[in-house]
PDB file of N, CA and C in Angstrom:
ATOM      1  N   MET A   1     108.705  90.323  33.936  1.00  0.00           N
ATOM      2  CA  MET A   1     108.373  89.235  34.823  1.00  0.00           C
ATOM      3  C   MET A   1     107.118  89.604  35.612  1.00  0.00           C
ATOM      4  N   ALA A   2     106.140  88.727  35.603  1.00  0.00           N
ATOM      5  CA  ALA A   2     104.878  88.976  36.294  1.00  0.00           C
ATOM      6  C   ALA A   2     105.004  88.670  37.786  1.00  0.00           C
ATOM      7  N   THR A   3     104.285  89.423  38.564  1.00  0.00           N
ATOM      8  CA  THR A   3     104.240  89.173  40.005  1.00  0.00           C
ATOM      9  C   THR A   3     103.153  88.150  40.297  1.00  0.00           C
ATOM     10  N   PRO A   4     103.495  87.033  40.964  1.00  0.00           N
ATOM     11  CA  PRO A   4     102.459  86.050  41.279  1.00  0.00           C
ATOM     12  C   PRO A   4     101.463  86.619  42.295  1.00  0.00           C
ATOM     13  N   LEU A   5     100.195  86.398  42.039  1.00  0.00           N
ATOM     14  CA  LEU A   5      99.154  86.891  42.925  1.00  0.00           C
ATOM     15  C   LEU A   5      98.580  85.750  43.751  1.00  0.00           C
ATOM     16  N   THR A   6      98.193  86.058  44.981  1.00  0.00           N
ATOM     17  CA  THR A   6      97.596  85.060  45.859  1.00  0.00           C
ATOM     18  C   THR A   6      96.335  85.634  46.500  1.00  0.00           C
ATOM     19  N   VAL A   7      95.513  84.743  47.025  1.00  0.00           N
ATOM     20  CA  VAL A   7      94.304  85.123  47.753  1.00  0.00           C
ATOM     21  C   VAL A   7      94.416  84.564  49.161  1.00  0.00           C
ATOM     22  N   LEU A   8      94.072  85.374  50.152  1.00  0.00           N
ATOM     23  CA  LEU A   8      93.969  84.916  51.537  1.00  0.00           C
ATOM     24  C   LEU A   8      92.501  85.030  51.928  1.00  0.00           C
ATOM     25  N   ASP A   9      91.871  83.899  52.192  1.00  0.00           N
ATOM     26  CA  ASP A   9      90.439  83.859  52.473  1.00  0.00           C
ATOM     27  C   ASP A   9      90.205  83.513  53.938  1.00  0.00           C
ATOM     28  N   LEU A  10      89.431  84.342  54.625  1.00  0.00           N
ATOM     29  CA  LEU A  10      89.075  84.084  56.017  1.00  0.00           C
ATOM     30  C   LEU A  10      87.853  83.175  56.136  1.00  0.00           C
ATOM     31  N   VAL A  11      87.145  82.952  55.040  1.00  0.00           N
ATOM     32  CA  VAL A  11      85.887  82.191  55.001  1.00  0.00           C
ATOM     33  C   VAL A  11      84.883  82.799  55.998  1.00  0.00           C
ATOM     34  N   PRO A  12      84.543  84.068  55.803  1.00  0.00           N
ATOM     35  CA  PRO A  12      83.607  84.711  56.721  1.00  0.00           C
ATOM     36  C   PRO A  12      82.187  84.183  56.534  1.00  0.00           C
ATOM     37  N   ILE A  13      81.457  84.109  57.620  1.00  0.00           N
ATOM     38  CA  ILE A  13      80.046  83.726  57.573  1.00  0.00           C
ATOM     39  C   ILE A  13      79.242  85.022  57.620  1.00  0.00           C
ATOM     40  N   SER A  14      78.612  85.357  56.509  1.00  0.00           N
ATOM     41  CA  SER A  14      77.831  86.591  56.429  1.00  0.00           C
ATOM     42  C   SER A  14      76.607  86.508  57.332  1.00  0.00           C
ATOM     43  N   SER A  15      76.108  87.650  57.720  1.00  0.00           N
ATOM     44  CA  SER A  15      74.905  87.704  58.546  1.00  0.00           C
ATOM     45  C   SER A  15      73.761  86.986  57.841  1.00  0.00           C
ATOM     46  N   GLY A  16      73.114  86.068  58.544  1.00  0.00           N
ATOM     47  CA  GLY A  16      72.004  85.315  57.966  1.00  0.00           C
ATOM     48  C   GLY A  16      72.433  84.122  57.144  1.00  0.00           C
ATOM     49  N   SER A  17      73.720  83.862  57.055  1.00  0.00           N
ATOM     50  CA  SER A  17      74.240  82.744  56.271  1.00  0.00           C
ATOM     51  C   SER A  17      74.649  81.609  57.208  1.00  0.00           C
ATOM     52  N   THR A  18      75.211  80.554  56.627  1.00  0.00           N
ATOM     53  CA  THR A  18      75.644  79.387  57.398  1.00  0.00           C
ATOM     54  C   THR A  18      77.085  79.046  57.048  1.00  0.00           C
ATOM     55  N   ALA A  19      77.712  78.237  57.890  1.00  0.00           N
ATOM     56  CA  ALA A  19      79.085  77.804  57.617  1.00  0.00           C
ATOM     57  C   ALA A  19      79.180  77.028  56.302  1.00  0.00           C
ATOM     58  N   PRO A  20      78.258  76.092  56.007  1.00  0.00           N
ATOM     59  CA  PRO A  20      78.350  75.396  54.713  1.00  0.00           C
ATOM     60  C   PRO A  20      78.269  76.350  53.520  1.00  0.00           C
ATOM     61  N   GLN A  21      77.416  77.374  53.612  1.00  0.00           N
ATOM     62  CA  GLN A  21      77.329  78.344  52.516  1.00  0.00           C
ATOM     63  C   GLN A  21      78.621  79.143  52.400  1.00  0.00           C
ATOM     64  N   ALA A  22      79.219  79.503  53.529  1.00  0.00           N
ATOM     65  CA  ALA A  22      80.490  80.231  53.509  1.00  0.00           C
ATOM     66  C   ALA A  22      81.568  79.399  52.828  1.00  0.00           C
ATOM     67  N   LEU A  23      81.584  78.101  53.094  1.00  0.00           N
ATOM     68  CA  LEU A  23      82.566  77.222  52.448  1.00  0.00           C
ATOM     69  C   LEU A  23      82.309  77.117  50.949  1.00  0.00           C
ATOM     70  N   ARG A  24      81.036  77.031  50.550  1.00  0.00           N
ATOM     71  CA  ARG A  24      80.723  77.007  49.110  1.00  0.00           C
ATOM     72  C   ARG A  24      81.174  78.308  48.449  1.00  0.00           C
ATOM     73  N   ASN A  25      80.965  79.432  49.134  1.00  0.00           N
ATOM     74  CA  ASN A  25      81.416  80.724  48.593  1.00  0.00           C
ATOM     75  C   ASN A  25      82.930  80.740  48.412  1.00  0.00           C
ATOM     76  N   SER A  26      83.652  80.164  49.356  1.00  0.00           N
ATOM     77  CA  SER A  26      85.114  80.126  49.260  1.00  0.00           C
ATOM     78  C   SER A  26      85.578  79.239  48.115  1.00  0.00           C
ATOM     79  N   ILE A  27      84.877  78.136  47.903  1.00  0.00           N
ATOM     80  CA  ILE A  27      85.212  77.265  46.770  1.00  0.00           C
ATOM     81  C   ILE A  27      84.991  78.016  45.461  1.00  0.00           C
ATOM     82  N   ASP A  28      83.876  78.738  45.362  1.00  0.00           N
ATOM     83  CA  ASP A  28      83.616  79.540  44.160  1.00  0.00           C
ATOM     84  C   ASP A  28      84.703  80.592  43.962  1.00  0.00           C
ATOM     85  N   LEU A  29      85.111  81.241  45.040  1.00  0.00           N
ATOM     86  CA  LEU A  29      86.176  82.244  44.956  1.00  0.00           C
ATOM     87  C   LEU A  29      87.483  81.612  44.490  1.00  0.00           C
ATOM     88  N   ALA A  30      87.809  80.440  45.006  1.00  0.00           N
ATOM     89  CA  ALA A  30      89.045  79.752  44.604  1.00  0.00           C
ATOM     90  C   ALA A  30      89.014  79.408  43.119  1.00  0.00           C
ATOM     91  N   LYS A  31      87.875  78.960  42.629  1.00  0.00           N
ATOM     92  CA  LYS A  31      87.752  78.633  41.200  1.00  0.00           C
ATOM     93  C   LYS A  31      87.924  79.877  40.336  1.00  0.00           C
ATOM     94  N   ARG A  32      87.334  80.982  40.767  1.00  0.00           N
ATOM     95  CA  ARG A  32      87.477  82.238  40.012  1.00  0.00           C
ATOM     96  C   ARG A  32      88.920  82.726  40.025  1.00  0.00           C
ATOM     97  N   ALA A  33      89.556  82.625  41.186  1.00  0.00           N
ATOM     98  CA  ALA A  33      90.953  83.053  41.294  1.00  0.00           C
ATOM     99  C   ALA A  33      91.836  82.218  40.373  1.00  0.00           C
ATOM    100  N   GLU A  34      91.600  80.917  40.338  1.00  0.00           N
ATOM    101  CA  GLU A  34      92.385  80.044  39.461  1.00  0.00           C
ATOM    102  C   GLU A  34      92.172  80.414  37.997  1.00  0.00           C
ATOM    103  N   ALA A  35      90.926  80.670  37.622  1.00  0.00           N
ATOM    104  CA  ALA A  35      90.622  81.046  36.242  1.00  0.00           C
ATOM    105  C   ALA A  35      91.293  82.361  35.855  1.00  0.00           C
ATOM    106  N   LEU A  36      91.491  83.241  36.833  1.00  0.00           N
ATOM    107  CA  LEU A  36      92.131  84.532  36.572  1.00  0.00           C
ATOM    108  C   LEU A  36      93.652  84.475  36.635  1.00  0.00           C
ATOM    109  N   GLY A  37      94.201  83.295  36.953  1.00  0.00           N
ATOM    110  CA  GLY A  37      95.645  83.136  36.941  1.00  0.00           C
ATOM    111  C   GLY A  37      96.344  83.322  38.275  1.00  0.00           C
ATOM    112  N   TYR A  38      95.583  83.400  39.361  1.00  0.00           N
ATOM    113  CA  TYR A  38      96.223  83.492  40.680  1.00  0.00           C
ATOM    114  C   TYR A  38      96.998  82.207  40.943  1.00  0.00           C
ATOM    115  N   THR A  39      98.128  82.334  41.634  1.00  0.00           N
ATOM    116  CA  THR A  39      98.999  81.171  41.816  1.00  0.00           C
ATOM    117  C   THR A  39      98.772  80.427  43.123  1.00  0.00           C
ATOM    118  N   ARG A  40      98.202  81.077  44.121  1.00  0.00           N
ATOM    119  CA  ARG A  40      97.983  80.429  45.420  1.00  0.00           C
ATOM    120  C   ARG A  40      96.644  80.874  45.993  1.00  0.00           C
ATOM    121  N   PHE A  41      96.051  79.988  46.779  1.00  0.00           N
ATOM    122  CA  PHE A  41      94.823  80.304  47.510  1.00  0.00           C
ATOM    123  C   PHE A  41      95.020  79.813  48.929  1.00  0.00           C
ATOM    124  N   TRP A  42      95.029  80.735  49.874  1.00  0.00           N
ATOM    125  CA  TRP A  42      95.304  80.405  51.268  1.00  0.00           C
ATOM    126  C   TRP A  42      94.037  80.557  52.098  1.00  0.00           C
ATOM    127  N   PHE A  43      93.866  79.656  53.049  1.00  0.00           N
ATOM    128  CA  PHE A  43      92.795  79.775  54.030  1.00  0.00           C
ATOM    129  C   PHE A  43      93.410  80.182  55.360  1.00  0.00           C
ATOM    130  N   ALA A  44      92.902  81.262  55.941  1.00  0.00           N
ATOM    131  CA  ALA A  44      93.363  81.679  57.264  1.00  0.00           C
ATOM    132  C   ALA A  44      92.786  80.720  58.299  1.00  0.00           C
ATOM    133  N   GLU A  45      93.535  80.469  59.333  1.00  0.00           N
ATOM    134  CA  GLU A  45      93.104  79.542  60.375  1.00  0.00           C
ATOM    135  C   GLU A  45      92.741  80.324  61.638  1.00  0.00           C
ATOM    136  N   HIS A  46      91.482  80.261  62.000  1.00  0.00           N
ATOM    137  CA  HIS A  46      90.985  80.921  63.208  1.00  0.00           C
ATOM    138  C   HIS A  46      90.142  79.915  63.975  1.00  0.00           C
ATOM    139  N   HIS A  47      90.299  79.879  65.262  1.00  0.00           N
ATOM    140  CA  HIS A  47      89.561  78.922  66.087  1.00  0.00           C
ATOM    141  C   HIS A  47      88.585  79.649  67.008  1.00  0.00           C
ATOM    142  N   LEU A  48      87.451  79.013  67.229  1.00  0.00           N
ATOM    143  CA  LEU A  48      86.443  79.492  68.178  1.00  0.00           C
ATOM    144  C   LEU A  48      85.938  80.896  67.858  1.00  0.00           C
ATOM    145  N   ASN A  49      85.828  81.204  66.567  1.00  0.00           N
ATOM    146  CA  ASN A  49      85.284  82.483  66.138  1.00  0.00           C
ATOM    147  C   ASN A  49      83.984  82.195  65.391  1.00  0.00           C
ATOM    148  N   PRO A  50      82.832  82.558  65.940  1.00  0.00           N
ATOM    149  CA  PRO A  50      81.561  82.202  65.312  1.00  0.00           C
ATOM    150  C   PRO A  50      81.314  82.876  63.964  1.00  0.00           C
ATOM    151  N   GLY A  51      82.052  83.907  63.627  1.00  0.00           N
ATOM    152  CA  GLY A  51      81.859  84.597  62.357  1.00  0.00           C
ATOM    153  C   GLY A  51      82.737  84.094  61.233  1.00  0.00           C
ATOM    154  N   ILE A  52      83.558  83.093  61.523  1.00  0.00           N
ATOM    155  CA  ILE A  52      84.476  82.546  60.523  1.00  0.00           C
ATOM    156  C   ILE A  52      84.326  81.035  60.502  1.00  0.00           C
ATOM    157  N   ALA A  53      84.130  80.485  59.295  1.00  0.00           N
ATOM    158  CA  ALA A  53      83.928  79.027  59.165  1.00  0.00           C
ATOM    159  C   ALA A  53      85.231  78.286  59.344  1.00  0.00           C
TER     160      ALA A  53
END
């Protein structure tokens, strides 16, 4: 029996990047995870943190 794998994404905004780019990066990561057979993709919820989209 296989262990289901999941991804927890904080959607970090890299230095010199923007929130829209961070979101595009997360979408790309979710697509890759799905292609690799991951069963869940979670977004962490953080408020008022300028380094996280």
